[in-house]
C-alpha atoms as a PDB file:
ATOM      1  CA  UNK A   1       0.000   0.000   0.000  1.00  0.00           C
ATOM      2  CA  UNK A   2       1.419   3.395  -1.027  1.00  0.00           C
ATOM      3  CA  UNK A   3       1.604   5.840   1.833  1.00  0.00           C
ATOM      4  CA  UNK A   4       0.107   9.251   1.160  1.00  0.00           C
ATOM      5  CA  UNK A   5       2.213  12.281   2.089  1.00  0.00           C
ATOM      6  CA  UNK A   6       0.207  14.516   4.425  1.00  0.00           C
ATOM      7  CA  UNK A   7       1.337  17.989   5.442  1.00  0.00           C
ATOM      8  CA  UNK A   8      -0.133  18.977   8.807  1.00  0.00           C
ATOM      9  CA  UNK A   9      -0.085  22.777   8.973  1.00  0.00           C
ATOM     10  CA  UNK A  10      -0.097  24.253  12.479  1.00  0.00           C
ATOM     11  CA  UNK A  11       0.563  27.432  14.465  1.00  0.00           C
ATOM     12  CA  UNK A  12      -0.220  30.482  12.359  1.00  0.00           C
ATOM     13  CA  UNK A  13      -0.434  34.219  12.908  1.00  0.00           C
ATOM     14  CA  UNK A  14      -3.759  34.331  14.758  1.00  0.00           C
ATOM     15  CA  UNK A  15      -4.604  34.733  18.446  1.00  0.00           C
ATOM     16  CA  UNK A  16      -5.282  30.967  18.418  1.00  0.00           C
ATOM     17  CA  UNK A  17      -1.688  29.983  17.597  1.00  0.00           C
ATOM     18  CA  UNK A  18      -1.241  28.013  20.837  1.00  0.00           C
ATOM     19  CA  UNK A  19      -4.565  26.165  20.481  1.00  0.00           C
ATOM     20  CA  UNK A  20      -3.614  25.222  16.911  1.00  0.00           C
ATOM     21  CA  UNK A  21      -0.369  23.641  18.130  1.00  0.00           C
ATOM     22  CA  UNK A  22      -2.267  21.498  20.653  1.00  0.00           C
ATOM     23  CA  UNK A  23      -4.866  20.479  18.015  1.00  0.00           C
ATOM     24  CA  UNK A  24      -2.111  19.550  15.554  1.00  0.00           C
ATOM     25  CA  UNK A  25      -0.220  17.450  18.106  1.00  0.00           C
ATOM     26  CA  UNK A  26      -3.466  15.534  18.843  1.00  0.00           C
ATOM     27  CA  UNK A  27      -4.078  14.931  15.120  1.00  0.00           C
ATOM     28  CA  UNK A  28      -0.469  13.868  14.381  1.00  0.00           C
ATOM     29  CA  UNK A  29      -0.479  11.489  17.395  1.00  0.00           C
ATOM     30  CA  UNK A  30      -3.708   9.865  16.181  1.00  0.00           C
ATOM     31  CA  UNK A  31      -2.916   9.532  12.457  1.00  0.00           C
ATOM     32  CA  UNK A  32      -2.359   6.024  11.127  1.00  0.00           C
ATOM     33  CA  UNK A  33       1.368   5.957  10.308  1.00  0.00           C
ATOM     34  CA  UNK A  34       0.878   2.781   8.263  1.00  0.00           C
ATOM     35  CA  UNK A  35      -1.219   4.830   5.818  1.00  0.00           C
ATOM     36  CA  UNK A  36       0.391   8.276   5.920  1.00  0.00           C
ATOM     37  CA  UNK A  37       3.822   9.827   5.742  1.00  0.00           C
ATOM     38  CA  UNK A  38       3.327  12.880   7.972  1.00  0.00           C
ATOM     39  CA  UNK A  39       5.187  16.154   7.446  1.00  0.00           C
ATOM     40  CA  UNK A  40       4.477  18.682  10.223  1.00  0.00           C
ATOM     41  CA  UNK A  41       4.843  22.260   8.933  1.00  0.00           C
ATOM     42  CA  UNK A  42       4.619  25.038  11.489  1.00  0.00           C
ATOM     43  CA  UNK A  43       3.923  28.714  10.912  1.00  0.00           C
ATOM     44  CA  UNK A  44       5.381  31.043  13.542  1.00  0.00           C
ATOM     45  CA  UNK A  45       3.473  34.008  14.944  1.00  0.00           C
ATOM     46  CA  UNK A  46       5.459  36.302  12.652  1.00  0.00           C
ATOM     47  CA  UNK A  47       4.561  34.180   9.613  1.00  0.00           C
ATOM     48  CA  UNK A  48       7.690  32.067   8.992  1.00  0.00           C
ATOM     49  CA  UNK A  49       7.044  28.559   7.618  1.00  0.00           C
ATOM     50  CA  UNK A  50       9.216  25.623   8.766  1.00  0.00           C
ATOM     51  CA  UNK A  51       9.252  21.832   8.444  1.00  0.00           C
ATOM     52  CA  UNK A  52       9.615  20.156  11.830  1.00  0.00           C
ATOM     53  CA  UNK A  53      10.747  16.546  12.270  1.00  0.00           C
ATOM     54  CA  UNK A  54      11.048  16.006  16.029  1.00  0.00           C
ATOM     55  CA  UNK A  55       8.936  14.796  18.972  1.00  0.00           C
ATOM     56  CA  UNK A  56       5.268  15.821  18.844  1.00  0.00           C
ATOM     57  CA  UNK A  57       5.578  17.160  22.414  1.00  0.00           C
ATOM     58  CA  UNK A  58       7.697  20.044  21.079  1.00  0.00           C
ATOM     59  CA  UNK A  59       4.826  21.164  18.848  1.00  0.00           C
ATOM     60  CA  UNK A  60       2.579  21.437  21.888  1.00  0.00           C
ATOM     61  CA  UNK A  61       5.059  23.382  24.027  1.00  0.00           C
ATOM     62  CA  UNK A  62       6.411  25.628  21.251  1.00  0.00           C
ATOM     63  CA  UNK A  63       9.976  24.264  21.297  1.00  0.00           C
ATOM     64  CA  UNK A  64       9.579  23.064  17.677  1.00  0.00           C
ATOM     65  CA  UNK A  65      10.675  26.493  16.383  1.00  0.00           C
ATOM     66  CA  UNK A  66      14.277  25.856  17.520  1.00  0.00           C
ATOM     67  CA  UNK A  67      14.520  22.771  15.285  1.00  0.00           C
ATOM     68  CA  UNK A  68      12.540  23.809  12.190  1.00  0.00           C
ATOM     69  CA  UNK A  69      13.945  23.997   8.652  1.00  0.00           C
ATOM     70  CA  UNK A  70      12.649  26.842   6.433  1.00  0.00           C
ATOM     71  CA  UNK A  71      10.063  25.715   3.888  1.00  0.00           C
ATOM     72  CA  UNK A  72       7.183  27.197   1.935  1.00  0.00           C
ATOM     73  CA  UNK A  73       4.255  25.734   0.070  1.00  0.00           C
ATOM     74  CA  UNK A  74       4.666  26.343  -3.655  1.00  0.00           C
ATOM     75  CA  UNK A  75       1.647  27.952  -5.354  1.00  0.00           C
ATOM     76  CA  UNK A  76       2.875  26.428  -8.635  1.00  0.00           C
ATOM     77  CA  UNK A  77       0.252  23.811  -9.578  1.00  0.00           C
ATOM     78  CA  UNK A  78       2.793  21.857 -11.634  1.00  0.00           C
ATOM     79  CA  UNK A  79       4.931  21.242  -8.531  1.00  0.00           C
ATOM     80  CA  UNK A  80       2.274  20.282  -5.950  1.00  0.00           C
ATOM     81  CA  UNK A  81       4.781  20.413  -3.161  1.00  0.00           C
ATOM     82  CA  UNK A  82       6.737  22.007  -0.365  1.00  0.00           C
ATOM     83  CA  UNK A  83       9.915  23.908  -1.131  1.00  0.00           C
ATOM     84  CA  UNK A  84      12.437  22.975   1.577  1.00  0.00           C
ATOM     85  CA  UNK A  85      15.161  25.623   1.837  1.00  0.00           C
ATOM     86  CA  UNK A  86      18.595  24.576   3.131  1.00  0.00           C
ATOM     87  CA  UNK A  87      21.199  27.311   2.677  1.00  0.00           C
ATOM     88  CA  UNK A  88      20.980  28.333  -0.975  1.00  0.00           C
ATOM     89  CA  UNK A  89      19.487  25.006  -2.101  1.00  0.00           C
ATOM     90  CA  UNK A  90      15.784  24.375  -2.635  1.00  0.00           C
ATOM     91  CA  UNK A  91      14.337  20.882  -2.637  1.00  0.00           C
ATOM     92  CA  UNK A  92      10.779  20.114  -3.795  1.00  0.00           C
ATOM     93  CA  UNK A  93       8.954  17.632  -1.546  1.00  0.00           C
ATOM     94  CA  UNK A  94       5.823  16.278  -3.304  1.00  0.00           C
ATOM     95  CA  UNK A  95       2.620  16.543  -1.230  1.00  0.00           C
ATOM     96  CA  UNK A  96      -0.586  14.517  -1.656  1.00  0.00           C
ATOM     97  CA  UNK A  97      -2.847  16.337   0.793  1.00  0.00           C
ATOM     98  CA  UNK A  98      -2.740  19.133   3.399  1.00  0.00           C
ATOM     99  CA  UNK A  99      -4.541  19.152   6.747  1.00  0.00           C
ATOM    100  CA  UNK A 100      -4.608  22.859   7.675  1.00  0.00           C
ATOM    101  CA  UNK A 101      -4.949  22.644  11.473  1.00  0.00           C
ATOM    102  CA  UNK A 102      -5.037  26.428  11.704  1.00  0.00           C
ATOM    103  CA  UNK A 103      -7.670  28.175  13.797  1.00  0.00           C
ATOM    104  CA  UNK A 104      -8.746  31.782  13.282  1.00  0.00           C
ATOM    105  CA  UNK A 105      -7.252  34.427  11.000  1.00  0.00           C
ATOM    106  CA  UNK A 106      -4.882  33.417   8.182  1.00  0.00           C
ATOM    107  CA  UNK A 107      -5.927  29.798   8.495  1.00  0.00           C
ATOM    108  CA  UNK A 108      -9.653  29.345   8.940  1.00  0.00           C
ATOM    109  CA  UNK A 109     -10.662  32.376   6.870  1.00  0.00           C
ATOM    110  CA  UNK A 110      -9.974  31.276   3.283  1.00  0.00           C
ATOM    111  CA  UNK A 111      -6.401  32.601   2.985  1.00  0.00           C
ATOM    112  CA  UNK A 112      -4.606  29.226   3.222  1.00  0.00           C
ATOM    113  CA  UNK A 113      -7.474  27.578   1.327  1.00  0.00           C
ATOM    114  CA  UNK A 114      -6.856  30.005  -1.565  1.00  0.00           C
ATOM    115  CA  UNK A 115      -3.154  29.144  -1.615  1.00  0.00           C
ATOM    116  CA  UNK A 116      -3.974  25.413  -1.701  1.00  0.00           C
ATOM    117  CA  UNK A 117      -6.491  25.958  -4.506  1.00  0.00           C
ATOM    118  CA  UNK A 118      -3.781  27.754  -6.520  1.00  0.00           C
ATOM    119  CA  UNK A 119      -1.361  24.898  -5.849  1.00  0.00           C
ATOM    120  CA  UNK A 120      -4.099  22.346  -6.765  1.00  0.00           C
ATOM    121  CA  UNK A 121      -3.257  20.350  -3.636  1.00  0.00           C
ATOM    122  CA  UNK A 122      -6.192  18.548  -1.962  1.00  0.00           C
ATOM    123  CA  UNK A 123      -6.878  19.760   1.574  1.00  0.00           C
ATOM    124  CA  UNK A 124      -9.099  18.916   4.509  1.00  0.00           C
ATOM    125  CA  UNK A 125     -12.071  21.119   5.325  1.00  0.00           C
ATOM    126  CA  UNK A 126     -14.153  23.908   3.886  1.00  0.00           C
ATOM    127  CA  UNK A 127     -13.258  25.728   0.686  1.00  0.00           C
ATOM    128  CA  UNK A 128     -12.288  29.367   0.264  1.00  0.00           C
ATOM    129  CA  UNK A 129     -15.778  30.904   0.226  1.00  0.00           C
ATOM    130  CA  UNK A 130     -17.249  28.768   3.032  1.00  0.00           C
ATOM    131  CA  UNK A 131     -14.184  29.460   5.192  1.00  0.00           C
ATOM    132  CA  UNK A 132     -14.313  33.222   4.578  1.00  0.00           C
ATOM    133  CA  UNK A 133     -18.035  33.731   5.200  1.00  0.00           C
ATOM    134  CA  UNK A 134     -18.013  31.471   8.265  1.00  0.00           C
ATOM    135  CA  UNK A 135     -15.024  33.303   9.771  1.00  0.00           C
ATOM    136  CA  UNK A 136     -16.776  36.656   9.332  1.00  0.00           C
ATOM    137  CA  UNK A 137     -19.689  36.497  11.783  1.00  0.00           C
ATOM    138  CA  UNK A 138     -21.395  39.357   9.933  1.00  0.00           C
ATOM    139  CA  UNK A 139     -21.653  37.379   6.694  1.00  0.00           C
ATOM    140  CA  UNK A 140     -22.622  34.208   8.571  1.00  0.00           C
ATOM    141  CA  UNK A 141     -25.546  36.112  10.095  1.00  0.00           C
ATOM    142  CA  UNK A 142     -26.680  37.446   6.708  1.00  0.00           C
ATOM    143  CA  UNK A 143     -26.588  33.931   5.206  1.00  0.00           C
ATOM    144  CA  UNK A 144     -28.409  32.439   8.220  1.00  0.00           C
ATOM    145  CA  UNK A 145     -31.071  35.168   7.958  1.00  0.00           C
ATOM    146  CA  UNK A 146     -31.645  34.397   4.256  1.00  0.00           C
ATOM    147  CA  UNK A 147     -31.854  30.671   5.057  1.00  0.00           C
ATOM    148  CA  UNK A 148     -34.532  31.502   7.702  1.00  0.00           C
ATOM    149  CA  UNK A 149     -32.450  30.106  10.536  1.00  0.00           C
ATOM    150  CA  UNK A 150     -33.384  31.373  13.994  1.00  0.00           C
ATOM    151  CA  UNK A 151     -30.600  33.516  15.513  1.00  0.00           C
ATOM    152  CA  UNK A 152     -30.113  36.310  18.057  1.00  0.00           C
ATOM    153  CA  UNK A 153     -30.935  39.892  17.010  1.00  0.00           C
ATOM    154  CA  UNK A 154     -27.752  41.769  16.111  1.00  0.00           C
ATOM    155  CA  UNK A 155     -26.219  45.071  15.051  1.00  0.00           C
ATOM    156  CA  UNK A 156     -23.080  45.383  12.889  1.00  0.00           C
ATOM    157  CA  UNK A 157     -20.759  48.262  13.889  1.00  0.00           C
ATOM    158  CA  UNK A 158     -17.683  49.410  11.940  1.00  0.00           C
ATOM    159  CA  UNK A 159     -14.547  50.449  13.839  1.00  0.00           C
ATOM    160  CA  UNK A 160     -14.676  54.047  12.556  1.00  0.00           C
ATOM    161  CA  UNK A 161     -18.184  54.489  14.005  1.00  0.00           C
ATOM    162  CA  UNK A 162     -17.622  53.320  17.602  1.00  0.00           C
ATOM    163  CA  UNK A 163     -17.379  56.875  18.973  1.00  0.00           C
ATOM    164  CA  UNK A 164     -20.744  57.912  17.534  1.00  0.00           C
ATOM    165  CA  UNK A 165     -23.482  58.345  20.143  1.00  0.00           C
ATOM    166  CA  UNK A 166     -26.023  57.009  17.621  1.00  0.00           C
ATOM    167  CA  UNK A 167     -24.291  53.591  17.708  1.00  0.00           C
ATOM    168  CA  UNK A 168     -24.856  53.176  21.459  1.00  0.00           C
ATOM    169  CA  UNK A 169     -28.419  54.454  21.041  1.00  0.00           C
ATOM    170  CA  UNK A 170     -29.094  51.818  18.367  1.00  0.00           C
ATOM    171  CA  UNK A 171     -27.587  49.034  20.510  1.00  0.00           C
ATOM    172  CA  UNK A 172     -29.656  50.065  23.536  1.00  0.00           C
ATOM    173  CA  UNK A 173     -32.888  50.441  21.541  1.00  0.00           C
ATOM    174  CA  UNK A 174     -32.614  47.318  19.342  1.00  0.00           C
ATOM    175  CA  UNK A 175     -30.839  44.875  21.671  1.00  0.00           C
ATOM    176  CA  UNK A 176     -30.996  46.205  25.230  1.00  0.00           C
ATOM    177  CA  UNK A 177     -28.604  45.166  27.995  1.00  0.00           C
ATOM    178  CA  UNK A 178     -26.879  42.906  28.672  1.00  0.00           C
ATOM    179  CA  UNK A 179     -25.562  42.288  25.160  1.00  0.00           C
ATOM    180  CA  UNK A 180     -22.529  40.579  23.665  1.00  0.00           C
ATOM    181  CA  UNK A 181     -19.891  42.457  21.675  1.00  0.00           C
ATOM    182  CA  UNK A 182     -17.576  40.453  19.407  1.00  0.00           C
ATOM    183  CA  UNK A 183     -14.961  41.130  16.734  1.00  0.00           C
ATOM    184  CA  UNK A 184     -16.450  39.774  13.491  1.00  0.00           C
ATOM    185  CA  UNK A 185     -13.307  37.829  12.586  1.00  0.00           C
ATOM    186  CA  UNK A 186     -11.695  36.531  15.780  1.00  0.00           C
ATOM    187  CA  UNK A 187     -12.079  33.004  17.082  1.00  0.00           C
ATOM    188  CA  UNK A 188     -11.864  31.165  20.407  1.00  0.00           C
ATOM    189  CA  UNK A 189     -13.904  33.857  22.156  1.00  0.00           C
ATOM    190  CA  UNK A 190     -11.067  36.406  21.905  1.00  0.00           C
ATOM    191  CA  UNK A 191     -11.992  40.091  22.356  1.00  0.00           C
ATOM    192  CA  UNK A 192     -15.566  39.413  23.505  1.00  0.00           C
ATOM    193  CA  UNK A 193     -17.397  41.463  26.135  1.00  0.00           C
ATOM    194  CA  UNK A 194     -20.698  40.971  27.902  1.00  0.00           C
ATOM    195  CA  UNK A 195     -21.891  44.561  28.363  1.00  0.00           C
ATOM    196  CA  UNK A 196     -24.463  45.393  31.061  1.00  0.00           C
ATOM    197  CA  UNK A 197     -24.781  49.131  30.324  1.00  0.00           C
ATOM    198  CA  UNK A 198     -23.720  51.868  27.871  1.00  0.00           C
ATOM    199  CA  UNK A 199     -20.330  52.409  29.538  1.00  0.00           C
ATOM    200  CA  UNK A 200     -19.455  48.716  29.315  1.00  0.00           C
ATOM    201  CA  UNK A 201     -20.769  48.615  25.738  1.00  0.00           C
ATOM    202  CA  UNK A 202     -18.432  51.456  24.737  1.00  0.00           C
ATOM    203  CA  UNK A 203     -15.439  49.721  26.379  1.00  0.00           C
ATOM    204  CA  UNK A 204     -16.487  46.460  24.677  1.00  0.00           C
ATOM    205  CA  UNK A 205     -16.599  48.168  21.272  1.00  0.00           C
ATOM    206  CA  UNK A 206     -13.082  49.527  21.842  1.00  0.00           C
ATOM    207  CA  UNK A 207     -11.788  46.088  22.834  1.00  0.00           C
ATOM    208  CA  UNK A 208     -13.407  44.368  19.833  1.00  0.00           C
ATOM    209  CA  UNK A 209     -12.000  47.098  17.547  1.00  0.00           C
ATOM    210  CA  UNK A 210      -8.480  46.068  18.615  1.00  0.00           C
ATOM    211  CA  UNK A 211      -9.133  42.715  16.927  1.00  0.00           C
ATOM    212  CA  UNK A 212     -11.173  43.689  13.863  1.00  0.00           C
ATOM    213  CA  UNK A 213     -12.597  46.656  11.959  1.00  0.00           C
ATOM    214  CA  UNK A 214     -16.046  45.006  11.919  1.00  0.00           C
ATOM    215  CA  UNK A 215     -17.874  44.352  15.204  1.00  0.00           C
ATOM    216  CA  UNK A 216     -20.975  42.276  15.913  1.00  0.00           C
ATOM    217  CA  UNK A 217     -23.245  43.222  18.811  1.00  0.00           C
ATOM    218  CA  UNK A 218     -25.834  40.587  19.761  1.00  0.00           C
ATOM    219  CA  UNK A 219     -28.833  40.375  22.042  1.00  0.00           C
ATOM    220  CA  UNK A 220     -28.080  38.328  25.159  1.00  0.00           C
ATOM    221  CA  UNK A 221     -29.741  34.903  25.128  1.00  0.00           C
ATOM    222  CA  UNK A 222     -30.479  33.317  28.485  1.00  0.00           C
ATOM    223  CA  UNK A 223     -29.957  29.723  27.590  1.00  0.00           C
ATOM    224  CA  UNK A 224     -27.855  26.614  27.510  1.00  0.00           C
ATOM    225  CA  UNK A 225     -24.830  26.541  25.192  1.00  0.00           C
ATOM    226  CA  UNK A 226     -24.842  23.446  22.997  1.00  0.00           C
ATOM    227  CA  UNK A 227     -22.763  22.249  20.055  1.00  0.00           C
ATOM    228  CA  UNK A 228     -23.155  19.798  17.179  1.00  0.00           C
ATOM    229  CA  UNK A 229     -20.471  18.363  14.865  1.00  0.00           C
ATOM    230  CA  UNK A 230     -21.038  17.940  11.124  1.00  0.00           C
ATOM    231  CA  UNK A 231     -19.087  15.850   8.638  1.00  0.00           C
ATOM    232  CA  UNK A 232     -19.392  15.535   4.858  1.00  0.00           C
ATOM    233  CA  UNK A 233     -20.823  17.798   2.180  1.00  0.00           C
ATOM    234  CA  UNK A 234     -24.124  18.533   0.456  1.00  0.00           C
ATOM    235  CA  UNK A 235     -26.749  15.821   0.801  1.00  0.00           C
ATOM    236  CA  UNK A 236     -24.144  13.488   2.303  1.00  0.00           C
ATOM    237  CA  UNK A 237     -23.609  15.679   5.375  1.00  0.00           C
ATOM    238  CA  UNK A 238     -23.972  13.859   8.695  1.00  0.00           C
ATOM    239  CA  UNK A 239     -24.560  15.394  12.127  1.00  0.00           C
ATOM    240  CA  UNK A 240     -23.324  14.003  15.437  1.00  0.00           C
ATOM    241  CA  UNK A 241     -25.265  14.057  18.674  1.00  0.00           C
ATOM    242  CA  UNK A 242     -25.339  17.228  20.794  1.00  0.00           C
ATOM    243  CA  UNK A 243     -22.985  18.277  23.586  1.00  0.00           C
ATOM    244  CA  UNK A 244     -23.433  20.999  26.205  1.00  0.00           C
ATOM    245  CA  UNK A 245     -20.907  23.524  27.508  1.00  0.00           C
ATOM    246  CA  UNK A 246     -20.996  24.268  31.232  1.00  0.00           C
ATOM    247  CA  UNK A 247     -18.810  27.373  31.400  1.00  0.00           C
ATOM    248  CA  UNK A 248     -17.010  28.267  34.620  1.00  0.00           C
ATOM    249  CA  UNK A 249     -17.172  31.984  33.794  1.00  0.00           C
ATOM    250  CA  UNK A 250     -20.153  34.212  32.998  1.00  0.00           C
ATOM    251  CA  UNK A 251     -19.670  33.184  29.382  1.00  0.00           C
ATOM    252  CA  UNK A 252     -17.411  30.731  27.563  1.00  0.00           C
ATOM    253  CA  UNK A 253     -14.478  33.064  26.917  1.00  0.00           C
ATOM    254  CA  UNK A 254     -10.916  32.042  25.998  1.00  0.00           C
ATOM    255  CA  UNK A 255      -9.837  31.624  29.620  1.00  0.00           C
ATOM    256  CA  UNK A 256     -12.936  29.610  30.590  1.00  0.00           C
ATOM    257  CA  UNK A 257     -12.433  27.435  27.511  1.00  0.00           C
ATOM    258  CA  UNK A 258      -8.740  26.613  27.823  1.00  0.00           C
ATOM    259  CA  UNK A 259      -7.485  27.558  31.293  1.00  0.00           C
ATOM    260  CA  UNK A 260     -10.309  26.993  33.774  1.00  0.00           C
ATOM    261  CA  UNK A 261     -10.677  23.436  35.024  1.00  0.00           C
ATOM    262  CA  UNK A 262     -14.213  24.216  36.220  1.00  0.00           C
ATOM    263  CA  UNK A 263     -15.485  24.477  32.615  1.00  0.00           C
ATOM    264  CA  UNK A 264     -17.011  21.177  31.520  1.00  0.00           C
ATOM    265  CA  UNK A 265     -18.568  19.588  28.483  1.00  0.00           C
ATOM    266  CA  UNK A 266     -21.452  17.148  28.779  1.00  0.00           C
ATOM    267  CA  UNK A 267     -21.957  14.561  26.013  1.00  0.00           C
ATOM    268  CA  UNK A 268     -24.706  13.793  25.244  1.00  0.00           C
ATOM    269  CA  UNK A 269     -26.502  16.942  26.411  1.00  0.00           C
ATOM    270  CA  UNK A 270     -29.521  16.355  28.635  1.00  0.00           C
ATOM    271  CA  UNK A 271     -32.133  17.466  26.086  1.00  0.00           C
ATOM    272  CA  UNK A 272     -35.356  15.965  24.802  1.00  0.00           C
ATOM    273  CA  UNK A 273     -35.235  14.050  21.524  1.00  0.00           C
ATOM    274  CA  UNK A 274     -37.215  16.669  19.568  1.00  0.00           C
ATOM    275  CA  UNK A 275     -34.762  19.450  20.520  1.00  0.00           C
ATOM    276  CA  UNK A 276     -31.740  17.271  19.693  1.00  0.00           C
ATOM    277  CA  UNK A 277     -33.184  16.484  16.244  1.00  0.00           C
ATOM    278  CA  UNK A 278     -33.898  20.167  15.584  1.00  0.00           C
ATOM    279  CA  UNK A 279     -30.294  21.066  16.508  1.00  0.00           C
ATOM    280  CA  UNK A 280     -28.886  18.309  14.264  1.00  0.00           C
ATOM    281  CA  UNK A 281     -31.068  19.296  11.278  1.00  0.00           C
ATOM    282  CA  UNK A 282     -30.296  23.001  11.725  1.00  0.00           C
ATOM    283  CA  UNK A 283     -26.548  22.291  11.987  1.00  0.00           C
ATOM    284  CA  UNK A 284     -26.650  20.558   8.581  1.00  0.00           C
ATOM    285  CA  UNK A 285     -28.821  23.358   7.152  1.00  0.00           C
ATOM    286  CA  UNK A 286     -26.355  26.066   8.293  1.00  0.00           C
ATOM    287  CA  UNK A 287     -23.373  24.062   6.992  1.00  0.00           C
ATOM    288  CA  UNK A 288     -24.979  23.638   3.572  1.00  0.00           C
ATOM    289  CA  UNK A 289     -26.108  27.283   3.488  1.00  0.00           C
ATOM    290  CA  UNK A 290     -22.445  28.407   3.593  1.00  0.00           C
ATOM    291  CA  UNK A 291     -21.435  25.610   1.123  1.00  0.00           C
ATOM    292  CA  UNK A 292     -19.474  23.795   3.810  1.00  0.00           C
ATOM    293  CA  UNK A 293     -17.279  20.796   3.008  1.00  0.00           C
ATOM    294  CA  UNK A 294     -15.498  18.338   5.249  1.00  0.00           C
ATOM    295  CA  UNK A 295     -16.137  19.451   8.794  1.00  0.00           C
ATOM    296  CA  UNK A 296     -17.534  22.113  11.077  1.00  0.00           C
ATOM    297  CA  UNK A 297     -18.791  22.553  14.603  1.00  0.00           C
ATOM    298  CA  UNK A 298     -22.077  24.429  14.831  1.00  0.00           C
ATOM    299  CA  UNK A 299     -22.917  26.222  18.086  1.00  0.00           C
ATOM    300  CA  UNK A 300     -26.402  26.982  19.408  1.00  0.00           C
ATOM    301  CA  UNK A 301     -28.313  28.250  22.430  1.00  0.00           C
ATOM    302  CA  UNK A 302     -31.384  26.523  23.796  1.00  0.00           C
ATOM    303  CA  UNK A 303     -33.337  29.410  25.336  1.00  0.00           C
ATOM    304  CA  UNK A 304     -34.298  28.788  28.976  1.00  0.00           C
ATOM    305  CA  UNK A 305     -37.790  30.328  28.915  1.00  0.00           C
ATOM    306  CA  UNK A 306     -39.015  29.085  25.534  1.00  0.00           C
ATOM    307  CA  UNK A 307     -36.866  26.026  24.714  1.00  0.00           C
ATOM    308  CA  UNK A 308     -36.186  27.664  21.311  1.00  0.00           C
ATOM    309  CA  UNK A 309     -33.087  26.551  19.378  1.00  0.00           C
ATOM    310  CA  UNK A 310     -31.061  29.648  18.416  1.00  0.00           C
ATOM    311  CA  UNK A 311     -28.057  29.461  16.067  1.00  0.00           C
ATOM    312  CA  UNK A 312     -24.910  31.115  17.438  1.00  0.00           C
ATOM    313  CA  UNK A 313     -21.954  30.466  15.114  1.00  0.00           C
ATOM    314  CA  UNK A 314     -20.172  28.009  12.848  1.00  0.00           C
ATOM    315  CA  UNK A 315     -16.502  26.982  13.148  1.00  0.00           C
ATOM    316  CA  UNK A 316     -15.011  25.500   9.982  1.00  0.00           C
ATOM    317  CA  UNK A 317     -11.855  24.198  11.674  1.00  0.00           C
ATOM    318  CA  UNK A 318     -12.922  23.322  15.218  1.00  0.00           C
ATOM    319  CA  UNK A 319     -10.425  22.429  17.932  1.00  0.00           C
ATOM    320  CA  UNK A 320      -8.914  18.957  18.169  1.00  0.00           C
ATOM    321  CA  UNK A 321      -7.492  19.299  21.691  1.00  0.00           C
ATOM    322  CA  UNK A 322      -8.185  16.740  24.440  1.00  0.00           C
ATOM    323  CA  UNK A 323     -11.120  18.891  25.656  1.00  0.00           C
ATOM    324  CA  UNK A 324     -12.480  19.807  22.212  1.00  0.00           C
ATOM    325  CA  UNK A 325     -16.115  19.040  21.486  1.00  0.00           C
ATOM    326  CA  UNK A 326     -15.738  18.108  17.797  1.00  0.00           C
ATOM    327  CA  UNK A 327     -13.738  14.848  18.133  1.00  0.00           C
ATOM    328  CA  UNK A 328     -15.494  13.991  21.408  1.00  0.00           C
ATOM    329  CA  UNK A 329     -18.938  14.212  19.752  1.00  0.00           C
ATOM    330  CA  UNK A 330     -17.883  11.839  16.965  1.00  0.00           C
ATOM    331  CA  UNK A 331     -16.284   9.472  19.462  1.00  0.00           C
ATOM    332  CA  UNK A 332     -19.607   9.355  21.316  1.00  0.00           C
ATOM    333  CA  UNK A 333     -21.264   8.546  17.955  1.00  0.00           C
ATOM    334  CA  UNK A 334     -18.934   5.541  17.518  1.00  0.00           C
ATOM    335  CA  UNK A 335     -16.271   7.191  15.332  1.00  0.00           C
ATOM    336  CA  UNK A 336     -12.887   7.260  17.136  1.00  0.00           C
ATOM    337  CA  UNK A 337     -10.451  10.038  16.250  1.00  0.00           C
ATOM    338  CA  UNK A 338      -8.171   7.910  14.002  1.00  0.00           C
ATOM    339  CA  UNK A 339     -11.196   6.863  11.934  1.00  0.00           C
ATOM    340  CA  UNK A 340     -12.434  10.481  11.865  1.00  0.00           C
ATOM    341  CA  UNK A 341      -9.064  11.716  10.545  1.00  0.00           C
ATOM    342  CA  UNK A 342      -9.093   8.951   7.878  1.00  0.00           C
ATOM    343  CA  UNK A 343     -12.551  10.035   6.731  1.00  0.00           C
ATOM    344  CA  UNK A 344     -11.564  13.707   6.556  1.00  0.00           C
ATOM    345  CA  UNK A 345      -8.453  12.915   4.493  1.00  0.00           C
ATOM    346  CA  UNK A 346     -10.474  10.609   2.204  1.00  0.00           C
ATOM    347  CA  UNK A 347     -12.984  13.409   1.575  1.00  0.00           C
ATOM    348  CA  UNK A 348     -10.127  15.764   0.723  1.00  0.00           C
ATOM    349  CA  UNK A 349      -8.771  13.340  -1.926  1.00  0.00           C
ATOM    350  CA  UNK A 350     -12.237  12.687  -3.396  1.00  0.00           C
ATOM    351  CA  UNK A 351     -12.915  16.396  -3.965  1.00  0.00           C
ATOM    352  CA  UNK A 352     -10.151  16.428  -6.584  1.00  0.00           C
ATOM    353  CA  UNK A 353     -11.058  13.179  -8.373  1.00  0.00           C
END
């Protein structure tokens, strides 16, 4: 059996660099080495690309950078490979498929997907358009609205307008307090504020503006936070069961997600069958509305008072850490992580057949 050469891209220039390294080390550790020749390629925070060939533990702790060899992915479709740079010599390493384990900006937003499309190298996950519109929460909301998917009321604010009194007036009138303020294009709950009054809303707008020029302000939903994993594309898309987030903080921010041991996930979520089915169907509907391919995790609220299912957001490259919901949901559904990775890589190959 011919081994396929798989480049696992990790790190990146986003605020989720560290999470990406942990996800990548989980994926590399669980890939079937009988089937794949694995080439880990890390991207530093300042954007340097390097091949790394040492212990996986060094990817997780960041030590890999000391041992990396400069390399770039060639956009030349006739080469379909990595260019390894040693001194003044360049060696082309042929690549069969890329698994871009990059979360957030410059990884989950269509940029790397565009490079891979140019290079004509198969890759895991959503394409350029699906990645871009799912990363930008503003566009996701517009698509969800057109697909008649229930979501929280929202206001879009541009960075240059945050000092205008009319913006705070609109937020207070349309959404009320408390409300959530988020950068449109940041992931892992970075730069998010729960604002309880105008003063906090203004500070929240300033914080979000540090991360993006477009800001989403949403009505607060009193409800349970639940998540569903999807796999496939088009009519062949499958949904997992549903898991629930029990956040240790007031909301599931970056610290609550990755640093607070009190945050827990419950799989399966304690919900009635009708609600679970609605979440699963809506997850597939959202995924197909953005033309998703491969994988995504779709997040919802189940409103306390009404039991309504309310779409929150869609992540086209969800975490693969030991606490991440995406692989845990599929494991609960009888698909262990090695099998899940196989299926994702198989889908990537098939897209180019």
